[in-house]
PDB file of N, CA and C in Angstrom:
ATOM      1  N   MET A   1     -61.706  65.049 133.176  1.00  0.00           N
ATOM      2  CA  MET A   1     -61.993  66.088 132.125  1.00  0.00           C
ATOM      3  C   MET A   1     -63.799  65.959 131.969  1.00  0.00           C
ATOM      4  N   LYS A   2     -64.328  67.262 131.757  1.00  0.00           N
ATOM      5  CA  LYS A   2     -65.879  67.439 132.150  1.00  0.00           C
ATOM      6  C   LYS A   2     -66.228  66.695 131.097  1.00  0.00           C
ATOM      7  N   GLU A   3     -67.513  66.408 131.085  1.00  0.00           N
ATOM      8  CA  GLU A   3     -68.406  65.967 130.443  1.00  0.00           C
ATOM      9  C   GLU A   3     -68.780  66.496 129.215  1.00  0.00           C
ATOM     10  N   GLU A   4     -68.977  67.456 128.676  1.00  0.00           N
ATOM     11  CA  GLU A   4     -68.901  68.127 127.857  1.00  0.00           C
ATOM     12  C   GLU A   4     -67.613  68.082 126.900  1.00  0.00           C
ATOM     13  N   THR A   5     -66.790  68.086 127.225  1.00  0.00           N
ATOM     14  CA  THR A   5     -64.814  68.150 126.658  1.00  0.00           C
ATOM     15  C   THR A   5     -65.040  66.570 126.145  1.00  0.00           C
ATOM     16  N   LEU A   6     -66.021  65.683 127.415  1.00  0.00           N
ATOM     17  CA  LEU A   6     -65.625  63.831 126.583  1.00  0.00           C
ATOM     18  C   LEU A   6     -66.549  64.059 125.235  1.00  0.00           C
ATOM     19  N   SER A   7     -67.983  64.440 125.346  1.00  0.00           N
ATOM     20  CA  SER A   7     -68.544  64.634 124.177  1.00  0.00           C
ATOM     21  C   SER A   7     -68.080  64.824 122.876  1.00  0.00           C
ATOM     22  N   PHE A   8     -67.702  66.327 123.486  1.00  0.00           N
ATOM     23  CA  PHE A   8     -66.951  66.880 122.056  1.00  0.00           C
ATOM     24  C   PHE A   8     -65.985  65.497 121.667  1.00  0.00           C
ATOM     25  N   PHE A   9     -65.019  65.231 122.592  1.00  0.00           N
ATOM     26  CA  PHE A   9     -63.987  64.071 121.748  1.00  0.00           C
ATOM     27  C   PHE A   9     -64.614  63.011 121.139  1.00  0.00           C
ATOM     28  N   GLU A  10     -65.950  63.074 121.605  1.00  0.00           N
ATOM     29  CA  GLU A  10     -66.315  61.536 120.898  1.00  0.00           C
ATOM     30  C   GLU A  10     -67.091  61.940 119.522  1.00  0.00           C
ATOM     31  N   ARG A  11     -67.481  63.126 119.756  1.00  0.00           N
ATOM     32  CA  ARG A  11     -68.136  63.647 118.557  1.00  0.00           C
ATOM     33  C   ARG A  11     -67.064  63.821 117.238  1.00  0.00           C
ATOM     34  N   VAL A  12     -65.559  64.640 117.788  1.00  0.00           N
ATOM     35  CA  VAL A  12     -64.745  64.595 116.723  1.00  0.00           C
ATOM     36  C   VAL A  12     -63.967  63.423 116.331  1.00  0.00           C
ATOM     37  N   TYR A  13     -64.265  62.071 117.018  1.00  0.00           N
ATOM     38  CA  TYR A  13     -63.712  60.716 116.915  1.00  0.00           C
ATOM     39  C   TYR A  13     -64.882  59.949 115.792  1.00  0.00           C
ATOM     40  N   ASP A  14     -65.896  60.409 115.968  1.00  0.00           N
ATOM     41  CA  ASP A  14     -66.781  60.007 114.970  1.00  0.00           C
ATOM     42  C   ASP A  14     -66.616  60.795 113.346  1.00  0.00           C
ATOM     43  N   VAL A  15     -66.068  61.652 114.117  1.00  0.00           N
ATOM     44  CA  VAL A  15     -65.906  62.145 111.967  1.00  0.00           C
ATOM     45  C   VAL A  15     -64.810  61.982 111.762  1.00  0.00           C
ATOM     46  N   VAL A  16     -63.769  61.594 113.136  1.00  0.00           N
ATOM     47  CA  VAL A  16     -62.094  61.219 112.021  1.00  0.00           C
ATOM     48  C   VAL A  16     -62.254  59.590 111.223  1.00  0.00           C
ATOM     49  N   ARG A  17     -63.285  58.893 112.194  1.00  0.00           N
ATOM     50  CA  ARG A  17     -63.192  57.589 111.344  1.00  0.00           C
ATOM     51  C   ARG A  17     -64.065  57.504 110.236  1.00  0.00           C
ATOM     52  N   LEU A  18     -64.340  58.757 109.686  1.00  0.00           N
ATOM     53  CA  LEU A  18     -65.203  58.549 108.499  1.00  0.00           C
ATOM     54  C   LEU A  18     -64.257  59.279 107.672  1.00  0.00           C
ATOM     55  N   ILE A  19     -63.215  59.568 107.909  1.00  0.00           N
ATOM     56  CA  ILE A  19     -62.045  59.876 106.913  1.00  0.00           C
ATOM     57  C   ILE A  19     -62.060  58.780 105.771  1.00  0.00           C
ATOM     58  N   PRO A  20     -61.958  58.894 104.893  1.00  0.00           N
ATOM     59  CA  PRO A  20     -61.691  57.388 103.658  1.00  0.00           C
ATOM     60  C   PRO A  20     -59.958  57.562 103.494  1.00  0.00           C
ATOM     61  N   TYR A  21     -60.045  56.186 103.701  1.00  0.00           N
ATOM     62  CA  TYR A  21     -58.445  56.070 103.492  1.00  0.00           C
ATOM     63  C   TYR A  21     -57.662  56.395 102.059  1.00  0.00           C
ATOM     64  N   GLY A  22     -56.308  56.797 102.224  1.00  0.00           N
ATOM     65  CA  GLY A  22     -55.795  57.901 101.096  1.00  0.00           C
ATOM     66  C   GLY A  22     -55.872  59.625 101.327  1.00  0.00           C
ATOM     67  N   ARG A  23     -57.125  59.892 102.273  1.00  0.00           N
ATOM     68  CA  ARG A  23     -57.287  61.497 102.234  1.00  0.00           C
ATOM     69  C   ARG A  23     -56.770  62.147 103.645  1.00  0.00           C
ATOM     70  N   VAL A  24     -57.107  63.256 103.734  1.00  0.00           N
ATOM     71  CA  VAL A  24     -56.711  63.842 105.111  1.00  0.00           C
ATOM     72  C   VAL A  24     -57.372  65.023 105.425  1.00  0.00           C
ATOM     73  N   THR A  25     -57.799  65.471 106.425  1.00  0.00           N
ATOM     74  CA  THR A  25     -58.440  66.836 106.836  1.00  0.00           C
ATOM     75  C   THR A  25     -58.285  67.401 107.914  1.00  0.00           C
ATOM     76  N   SER A  26     -58.490  68.717 108.048  1.00  0.00           N
ATOM     77  CA  SER A  26     -57.296  69.441 109.116  1.00  0.00           C
ATOM     78  C   SER A  26     -58.579  69.595 110.443  1.00  0.00           C
ATOM     79  N   TYR A  27     -57.864  69.997 111.259  1.00  0.00           N
ATOM     80  CA  TYR A  27     -58.411  70.247 112.526  1.00  0.00           C
ATOM     81  C   TYR A  27     -59.188  70.993 112.736  1.00  0.00           C
ATOM     82  N   GLY A  28     -59.237  72.541 112.010  1.00  0.00           N
ATOM     83  CA  GLY A  28     -60.161  73.245 111.928  1.00  0.00           C
ATOM     84  C   GLY A  28     -61.622  72.530 110.815  1.00  0.00           C
ATOM     85  N   ALA A  29     -61.258  72.057 110.177  1.00  0.00           N
ATOM     86  CA  ALA A  29     -62.244  71.637 109.067  1.00  0.00           C
ATOM     87  C   ALA A  29     -63.291  70.674 109.921  1.00  0.00           C
ATOM     88  N   ILE A  30     -62.843  69.937 111.055  1.00  0.00           N
ATOM     89  CA  ILE A  30     -63.573  69.135 111.806  1.00  0.00           C
ATOM     90  C   ILE A  30     -63.686  69.935 112.653  1.00  0.00           C
ATOM     91  N   ALA A  31     -63.793  71.180 113.414  1.00  0.00           N
ATOM     92  CA  ALA A  31     -64.109  72.203 114.133  1.00  0.00           C
ATOM     93  C   ALA A  31     -65.622  72.200 113.309  1.00  0.00           C
ATOM     94  N   ARG A  32     -64.984  72.929 112.503  1.00  0.00           N
ATOM     95  CA  ARG A  32     -66.618  74.038 111.802  1.00  0.00           C
ATOM     96  C   ARG A  32     -67.858  72.836 111.438  1.00  0.00           C
ATOM     97  N   TYR A  33     -67.474  71.477 110.820  1.00  0.00           N
ATOM     98  CA  TYR A  33     -68.187  70.403 110.976  1.00  0.00           C
ATOM     99  C   TYR A  33     -68.842  70.363 112.142  1.00  0.00           C
ATOM    100  N   LEU A  34     -68.308  70.463 113.294  1.00  0.00           N
ATOM    101  CA  LEU A  34     -69.109  70.291 114.258  1.00  0.00           C
ATOM    102  C   LEU A  34     -69.762  71.744 114.896  1.00  0.00           C
ATOM    103  N   GLY A  35     -69.429  72.436 114.354  1.00  0.00           N
ATOM    104  CA  GLY A  35     -70.556  73.646 114.669  1.00  0.00           C
ATOM    105  C   GLY A  35     -69.664  74.213 115.651  1.00  0.00           C
ATOM    106  N   ALA A  36     -68.101  74.007 115.971  1.00  0.00           N
ATOM    107  CA  ALA A  36     -67.268  75.149 116.670  1.00  0.00           C
ATOM    108  C   ALA A  36     -65.986  75.307 116.162  1.00  0.00           C
ATOM    109  N   ALA A  37     -66.292  76.266 115.180  1.00  0.00           N
ATOM    110  CA  ALA A  37     -64.990  77.228 114.174  1.00  0.00           C
ATOM    111  C   ALA A  37     -64.311  77.241 114.995  1.00  0.00           C
ATOM    112  N   ARG A  38     -64.177  77.709 116.380  1.00  0.00           N
ATOM    113  CA  ARG A  38     -63.023  78.407 116.756  1.00  0.00           C
ATOM    114  C   ARG A  38     -62.298  77.023 117.844  1.00  0.00           C
ATOM    115  N   SER A  39     -62.555  76.214 117.725  1.00  0.00           N
ATOM    116  CA  SER A  39     -62.409  74.564 118.591  1.00  0.00           C
ATOM    117  C   SER A  39     -61.368  73.775 118.003  1.00  0.00           C
ATOM    118  N   ALA A  40     -60.234  74.453 117.089  1.00  0.00           N
ATOM    119  CA  ALA A  40     -59.135  73.333 116.215  1.00  0.00           C
ATOM    120  C   ALA A  40     -58.492  72.746 117.001  1.00  0.00           C
ATOM    121  N   ARG A  41     -58.080  73.702 117.774  1.00  0.00           N
ATOM    122  CA  ARG A  41     -57.068  73.219 118.815  1.00  0.00           C
ATOM    123  C   ARG A  41     -57.828  71.876 119.896  1.00  0.00           C
ATOM    124  N   MET A  42     -59.266  72.195 120.305  1.00  0.00           N
ATOM    125  CA  MET A  42     -59.250  70.698 121.160  1.00  0.00           C
ATOM    126  C   MET A  42     -59.817  69.977 120.296  1.00  0.00           C
ATOM    127  N   VAL A  43     -59.948  70.245 118.811  1.00  0.00           N
ATOM    128  CA  VAL A  43     -59.815  68.812 117.910  1.00  0.00           C
ATOM    129  C   VAL A  43     -57.988  68.172 117.823  1.00  0.00           C
ATOM    130  N   GLY A  44     -57.405  69.275 118.413  1.00  0.00           N
ATOM    131  CA  GLY A  44     -55.825  68.573 118.078  1.00  0.00           C
ATOM    132  C   GLY A  44     -56.030  68.083 119.714  1.00  0.00           C
ATOM    133  N   TYR A  45     -56.325  68.522 120.808  1.00  0.00           N
ATOM    134  CA  TYR A  45     -56.244  67.797 122.246  1.00  0.00           C
ATOM    135  C   TYR A  45     -56.917  66.262 121.731  1.00  0.00           C
ATOM    136  N   ALA A  46     -58.467  66.445 121.463  1.00  0.00           N
ATOM    137  CA  ALA A  46     -58.849  65.157 120.760  1.00  0.00           C
ATOM    138  C   ALA A  46     -58.112  64.012 119.976  1.00  0.00           C
ATOM    139  N   MET A  47     -57.400  64.708 119.298  1.00  0.00           N
ATOM    140  CA  MET A  47     -56.195  63.317 118.362  1.00  0.00           C
ATOM    141  C   MET A  47     -55.236  63.250 119.607  1.00  0.00           C
ATOM    142  N   ASN A  48     -54.894  63.949 120.224  1.00  0.00           N
ATOM    143  CA  ASN A  48     -53.673  63.412 121.176  1.00  0.00           C
ATOM    144  C   ASN A  48     -54.122  62.385 122.211  1.00  0.00           C
ATOM    145  N   ALA A  49     -55.161  62.449 122.651  1.00  0.00           N
ATOM    146  CA  ALA A  49     -56.143  61.330 123.363  1.00  0.00           C
ATOM    147  C   ALA A  49     -56.474  60.466 122.592  1.00  0.00           C
ATOM    148  N   SER A  50     -56.602  60.116 121.645  1.00  0.00           N
ATOM    149  CA  SER A  50     -57.576  59.065 120.596  1.00  0.00           C
ATOM    150  C   SER A  50     -56.538  58.002 120.763  1.00  0.00           C
ATOM    151  N   HIS A  51     -55.515  57.557 120.872  1.00  0.00           N
ATOM    152  CA  HIS A  51     -54.463  56.432 120.766  1.00  0.00           C
ATOM    153  C   HIS A  51     -54.704  55.066 121.299  1.00  0.00           C
ATOM    154  N   THR A  52     -55.774  55.381 122.236  1.00  0.00           N
ATOM    155  CA  THR A  52     -56.187  54.268 122.969  1.00  0.00           C
ATOM    156  C   THR A  52     -57.629  53.835 122.476  1.00  0.00           C
ATOM    157  N   ARG A  53     -57.833  54.328 121.453  1.00  0.00           N
ATOM    158  CA  ARG A  53     -59.078  54.079 120.567  1.00  0.00           C
ATOM    159  C   ARG A  53     -59.032  53.948 118.972  1.00  0.00           C
ATOM    160  N   ASN A  54     -59.943  53.426 118.370  1.00  0.00           N
ATOM    161  CA  ASN A  54     -59.598  52.768 116.835  1.00  0.00           C
ATOM    162  C   ASN A  54     -59.850  54.280 115.925  1.00  0.00           C
ATOM    163  N   VAL A  55     -59.168  54.821 116.009  1.00  0.00           N
ATOM    164  CA  VAL A  55     -59.328  56.263 115.445  1.00  0.00           C
ATOM    165  C   VAL A  55     -58.188  56.755 114.482  1.00  0.00           C
ATOM    166  N   PRO A  56     -58.268  57.303 112.961  1.00  0.00           N
ATOM    167  CA  PRO A  56     -57.295  57.232 112.193  1.00  0.00           C
ATOM    168  C   PRO A  56     -56.758  58.798 112.541  1.00  0.00           C
ATOM    169  N   ALA A  57     -56.158  59.145 113.477  1.00  0.00           N
ATOM    170  CA  ALA A  57     -55.551  60.503 113.959  1.00  0.00           C
ATOM    171  C   ALA A  57     -54.421  60.738 112.822  1.00  0.00           C
ATOM    172  N   HIS A  58     -53.800  60.177 112.290  1.00  0.00           N
ATOM    173  CA  HIS A  58     -52.964  60.130 111.709  1.00  0.00           C
ATOM    174  C   HIS A  58     -53.584  60.762 110.089  1.00  0.00           C
ATOM    175  N   ARG A  59     -54.797  60.890 110.041  1.00  0.00           N
ATOM    176  CA  ARG A  59     -55.322  61.850 108.741  1.00  0.00           C
ATOM    177  C   ARG A  59     -55.721  62.916 109.091  1.00  0.00           C
ATOM    178  N   VAL A  60     -55.404  63.559 110.565  1.00  0.00           N
ATOM    179  CA  VAL A  60     -55.748  65.083 110.555  1.00  0.00           C
ATOM    180  C   VAL A  60     -54.603  65.674 110.786  1.00  0.00           C
ATOM    181  N   VAL A  61     -54.456  66.589 110.107  1.00  0.00           N
ATOM    182  CA  VAL A  61     -52.870  67.593 109.677  1.00  0.00           C
ATOM    183  C   VAL A  61     -53.971  68.786 109.734  1.00  0.00           C
ATOM    184  N   ASN A  62     -52.569  70.149 109.928  1.00  0.00           N
ATOM    185  CA  ASN A  62     -52.799  71.394 109.713  1.00  0.00           C
ATOM    186  C   ASN A  62     -53.660  71.984 108.464  1.00  0.00           C
ATOM    187  N   ARG A  63     -54.213  72.963 108.781  1.00  0.00           N
ATOM    188  CA  ARG A  63     -54.577  73.579 107.462  1.00  0.00           C
ATOM    189  C   ARG A  63     -53.592  73.707 106.247  1.00  0.00           C
ATOM    190  N   LYS A  64     -52.618  73.673 106.413  1.00  0.00           N
ATOM    191  CA  LYS A  64     -51.807  73.331 105.340  1.00  0.00           C
ATOM    192  C   LYS A  64     -51.102  72.283 104.983  1.00  0.00           C
ATOM    193  N   GLY A  65     -51.372  71.383 105.281  1.00  0.00           N
ATOM    194  CA  GLY A  65     -51.266  70.207 105.262  1.00  0.00           C
ATOM    195  C   GLY A  65     -49.770  69.352 106.111  1.00  0.00           C
ATOM    196  N   LEU A  66     -49.703  70.225 107.104  1.00  0.00           N
ATOM    197  CA  LEU A  66     -48.108  69.429 107.799  1.00  0.00           C
ATOM    198  C   LEU A  66     -48.906  68.865 109.170  1.00  0.00           C
ATOM    199  N   LEU A  67     -47.927  67.722 109.131  1.00  0.00           N
ATOM    200  CA  LEU A  67     -48.034  67.022 110.018  1.00  0.00           C
ATOM    201  C   LEU A  67     -47.668  67.152 111.441  1.00  0.00           C
ATOM    202  N   THR A  68     -48.442  68.375 112.308  1.00  0.00           N
ATOM    203  CA  THR A  68     -48.005  68.874 113.500  1.00  0.00           C
ATOM    204  C   THR A  68     -48.727  67.983 114.526  1.00  0.00           C
ATOM    205  N   GLY A  69     -49.172  66.950 114.052  1.00  0.00           N
ATOM    206  CA  GLY A  69     -49.534  66.191 115.484  1.00  0.00           C
ATOM    207  C   GLY A  69     -48.292  64.687 115.320  1.00  0.00           C
ATOM    208  N   LYS A  70     -47.570  64.818 114.648  1.00  0.00           N
ATOM    209  CA  LYS A  70     -46.307  63.496 114.328  1.00  0.00           C
ATOM    210  C   LYS A  70     -45.784  63.694 116.045  1.00  0.00           C
ATOM    211  N   PHE A  71     -45.370  64.364 116.681  1.00  0.00           N
ATOM    212  CA  PHE A  71     -44.863  64.271 117.564  1.00  0.00           C
ATOM    213  C   PHE A  71     -46.030  63.100 118.800  1.00  0.00           C
ATOM    214  N   HIS A  72     -47.036  63.239 118.722  1.00  0.00           N
ATOM    215  CA  HIS A  72     -47.407  62.543 119.849  1.00  0.00           C
ATOM    216  C   HIS A  72     -47.985  60.981 119.070  1.00  0.00           C
ATOM    217  N   PHE A  73     -47.358  60.567 118.033  1.00  0.00           N
ATOM    218  CA  PHE A  73     -47.435  59.029 117.830  1.00  0.00           C
ATOM    219  C   PHE A  73     -46.379  58.339 118.259  1.00  0.00           C
ATOM    220  N   ASP A  74     -46.637  56.631 118.712  1.00  0.00           N
ATOM    221  CA  ASP A  74     -45.196  56.401 119.008  1.00  0.00           C
ATOM    222  C   ASP A  74     -44.033  56.338 117.697  1.00  0.00           C
ATOM    223  N   GLY A  75     -42.878  56.858 117.789  1.00  0.00           N
ATOM    224  CA  GLY A  75     -41.630  56.923 116.796  1.00  0.00           C
ATOM    225  C   GLY A  75     -41.909  58.028 116.503  1.00  0.00           C
ATOM    226  N   THR A  76     -41.196  58.973 115.805  1.00  0.00           N
ATOM    227  CA  THR A  76     -41.533  60.304 115.306  1.00  0.00           C
ATOM    228  C   THR A  76     -41.938  60.146 113.593  1.00  0.00           C
ATOM    229  N   LYS A  77     -41.297  59.132 113.014  1.00  0.00           N
ATOM    230  CA  LYS A  77     -41.848  59.160 111.561  1.00  0.00           C
ATOM    231  C   LYS A  77     -43.208  58.209 111.393  1.00  0.00           C
ATOM    232  N   LEU A  78     -43.647  57.923 112.224  1.00  0.00           N
ATOM    233  CA  LEU A  78     -44.948  56.902 112.291  1.00  0.00           C
ATOM    234  C   LEU A  78     -46.223  57.246 111.613  1.00  0.00           C
ATOM    235  N   MET A  79     -46.607  58.791 112.166  1.00  0.00           N
ATOM    236  CA  MET A  79     -47.725  59.182 111.352  1.00  0.00           C
ATOM    237  C   MET A  79     -47.180  59.598 109.927  1.00  0.00           C
ATOM    238  N   GLN A  80     -46.450  59.651 109.354  1.00  0.00           N
ATOM    239  CA  GLN A  80     -45.901  60.308 108.144  1.00  0.00           C
ATOM    240  C   GLN A  80     -45.723  58.557 107.688  1.00  0.00           C
ATOM    241  N   GLN A  81     -45.248  57.406 108.273  1.00  0.00           N
ATOM    242  CA  GLN A  81     -45.592  56.292 107.394  1.00  0.00           C
ATOM    243  C   GLN A  81     -46.418  55.765 107.318  1.00  0.00           C
ATOM    244  N   LEU A  82     -47.610  55.753 108.126  1.00  0.00           N
ATOM    245  CA  LEU A  82     -49.050  55.734 107.936  1.00  0.00           C
ATOM    246  C   LEU A  82     -49.801  56.485 106.842  1.00  0.00           C
ATOM    247  N   LEU A  83     -49.038  57.657 106.784  1.00  0.00           N
ATOM    248  CA  LEU A  83     -50.207  58.636 105.466  1.00  0.00           C
ATOM    249  C   LEU A  83     -49.463  57.570 104.356  1.00  0.00           C
ATOM    250  N   GLU A  84     -48.433  57.348 104.124  1.00  0.00           N
ATOM    251  CA  GLU A  84     -47.298  57.193 103.107  1.00  0.00           C
ATOM    252  C   GLU A  84     -47.887  55.321 102.824  1.00  0.00           C
ATOM    253  N   ASN A  85     -48.244  54.841 103.704  1.00  0.00           N
ATOM    254  CA  ASN A  85     -49.036  53.352 103.607  1.00  0.00           C
ATOM    255  C   ASN A  85     -50.057  53.551 102.830  1.00  0.00           C
ATOM    256  N   GLU A  86     -50.717  54.966 103.009  1.00  0.00           N
ATOM    257  CA  GLU A  86     -52.249  55.156 102.256  1.00  0.00           C
ATOM    258  C   GLU A  86     -52.143  55.500 100.812  1.00  0.00           C
ATOM    259  N   GLY A  87     -50.959  55.754 100.321  1.00  0.00           N
ATOM    260  CA  GLY A  87     -50.462  56.800  99.048  1.00  0.00           C
ATOM    261  C   GLY A  87     -50.040  57.569  99.153  1.00  0.00           C
ATOM    262  N   ILE A  88     -50.029  58.375 100.576  1.00  0.00           N
ATOM    263  CA  ILE A  88     -49.750  59.901 100.625  1.00  0.00           C
ATOM    264  C   ILE A  88     -48.710  60.575 100.552  1.00  0.00           C
ATOM    265  N   VAL A  89     -48.210  61.393  99.561  1.00  0.00           N
ATOM    266  CA  VAL A  89     -46.875  61.550  99.265  1.00  0.00           C
ATOM    267  C   VAL A  89     -46.405  62.582 100.590  1.00  0.00           C
ATOM    268  N   ILE A  90     -45.609  62.847 101.160  1.00  0.00           N
ATOM    269  CA  ILE A  90     -45.114  63.803 102.422  1.00  0.00           C
ATOM    270  C   ILE A  90     -43.657  64.186 102.004  1.00  0.00           C
ATOM    271  N   LYS A  91     -43.978  65.426 101.966  1.00  0.00           N
ATOM    272  CA  LYS A  91     -42.150  66.057 101.863  1.00  0.00           C
ATOM    273  C   LYS A  91     -42.089  67.196 102.975  1.00  0.00           C
ATOM    274  N   ASP A  92     -40.904  67.236 103.585  1.00  0.00           N
ATOM    275  CA  ASP A  92     -41.005  68.151 104.368  1.00  0.00           C
ATOM    276  C   ASP A  92     -42.226  68.373 105.547  1.00  0.00           C
ATOM    277  N   ASN A  93     -42.291  67.270 105.946  1.00  0.00           N
ATOM    278  CA  ASN A  93     -43.108  67.284 107.001  1.00  0.00           C
ATOM    279  C   ASN A  93     -44.846  68.038 106.664  1.00  0.00           C
ATOM    280  N   GLN A  94     -44.696  67.517 105.206  1.00  0.00           N
ATOM    281  CA  GLN A  94     -46.152  68.334 104.794  1.00  0.00           C
ATOM    282  C   GLN A  94     -46.702  67.545 103.707  1.00  0.00           C
ATOM    283  N   VAL A  95     -48.099  67.037 103.204  1.00  0.00           N
ATOM    284  CA  VAL A  95     -48.496  66.742 102.399  1.00  0.00           C
ATOM    285  C   VAL A  95     -48.525  66.829 101.259  1.00  0.00           C
ATOM    286  N   ARG A  96     -48.092  66.310 100.177  1.00  0.00           N
ATOM    287  CA  ARG A  96     -48.329  67.152  99.175  1.00  0.00           C
ATOM    288  C   ARG A  96     -49.491  67.019  98.213  1.00  0.00           C
ATOM    289  N   ASP A  97     -49.860  67.659  97.153  1.00  0.00           N
ATOM    290  CA  ASP A  97     -51.072  67.629  96.716  1.00  0.00           C
ATOM    291  C   ASP A  97     -52.238  67.790  97.527  1.00  0.00           C
ATOM    292  N   PHE A  98     -51.772  68.605  98.527  1.00  0.00           N
ATOM    293  CA  PHE A  98     -52.918  68.376 100.010  1.00  0.00           C
ATOM    294  C   PHE A  98     -54.082  68.873  99.328  1.00  0.00           C
ATOM    295  N   GLU A  99     -54.368  69.841  98.401  1.00  0.00           N
ATOM    296  CA  GLU A  99     -55.751  69.858  97.904  1.00  0.00           C
ATOM    297  C   GLU A  99     -56.361  69.220  97.516  1.00  0.00           C
ATOM    298  N   SER A 100     -55.799  68.111  96.509  1.00  0.00           N
ATOM    299  CA  SER A 100     -56.566  67.053  96.246  1.00  0.00           C
ATOM    300  C   SER A 100     -56.900  65.749  96.810  1.00  0.00           C
ATOM    301  N   ARG A 101     -56.063  65.804  98.162  1.00  0.00           N
ATOM    302  CA  ARG A 101     -56.112  65.211  99.581  1.00  0.00           C
ATOM    303  C   ARG A 101     -57.272  65.485 100.126  1.00  0.00           C
ATOM    304  N   PHE A 102     -57.300  66.257 100.194  1.00  0.00           N
ATOM    305  CA  PHE A 102     -58.397  67.231 101.598  1.00  0.00           C
ATOM    306  C   PHE A 102     -59.923  66.522 101.320  1.00  0.00           C
ATOM    307  N   TRP A 103     -59.854  66.373 102.570  1.00  0.00           N
ATOM    308  CA  TRP A 103     -61.498  65.327 102.498  1.00  0.00           C
ATOM    309  C   TRP A 103     -62.282  66.671 103.456  1.00  0.00           C
ATOM    310  N   ASP A 104     -63.219  67.290 102.901  1.00  0.00           N
ATOM    311  CA  ASP A 104     -63.918  68.722 103.991  1.00  0.00           C
ATOM    312  C   ASP A 104     -65.145  67.880 104.452  1.00  0.00           C
ATOM    313  N   PRO A 105     -65.061  67.394 105.820  1.00  0.00           N
ATOM    314  CA  PRO A 105     -67.030  67.185 106.194  1.00  0.00           C
ATOM    315  C   PRO A 105     -67.853  68.049 106.019  1.00  0.00           C
ATOM    316  N   ALA A 106     -67.553  69.020 105.804  1.00  0.00           N
ATOM    317  CA  ALA A 106     -68.817  69.631 105.633  1.00  0.00           C
ATOM    318  C   ALA A 106     -69.597  69.701 104.409  1.00  0.00           C
ATOM    319  N   VAL A 107     -68.674  69.641 103.177  1.00  0.00           N
ATOM    320  CA  VAL A 107     -69.361  68.743 102.017  1.00  0.00           C
ATOM    321  C   VAL A 107     -69.378  67.740 102.411  1.00  0.00           C
ATOM    322  N   GLU A 108     -68.477  66.575 102.297  1.00  0.00           N
ATOM    323  CA  GLU A 108     -68.717  65.190 102.286  1.00  0.00           C
ATOM    324  C   GLU A 108     -69.669  64.439 102.764  1.00  0.00           C
ATOM    325  N   LEU A 109     -69.847  64.915 104.341  1.00  0.00           N
ATOM    326  CA  LEU A 109     -71.513  64.158 104.872  1.00  0.00           C
ATOM    327  C   LEU A 109     -72.320  65.025 104.808  1.00  0.00           C
ATOM    328  N   ASN A 110     -72.773  66.080 104.273  1.00  0.00           N
ATOM    329  CA  ASN A 110     -73.705  66.564 103.780  1.00  0.00           C
ATOM    330  C   ASN A 110     -74.294  67.097 102.026  1.00  0.00           C
ATOM    331  N   LYS A 111     -73.935  65.592 101.807  1.00  0.00           N
ATOM    332  CA  LYS A 111     -74.314  65.308 100.299  1.00  0.00           C
ATOM    333  C   LYS A 111     -75.948  64.473 100.369  1.00  0.00           C
TER     334      LYS A 111
END
């Protein structure tokens, strides 16, 4: 992997580590916060590569609250189980009350 890709992944991991317990954010929100608004897919790649690090990747979902990254966790229900352990209700692979659970790094980290 290129040096700049690794650096971007580390920046993504730094943001993801700040997502509070019981909250979720989206790939796009992280990309926008990092000044790379068109890089939501790269954030997804970073999440896929994060499983050997201390990164709560289960808290990153798509812009509609769908658990699109669930197939990259050991066991097909692990992402859902981790979120439910934090009190987040999941129905049909989607975060219920997504708006109230959503954590926007651009807002929360720029206070």
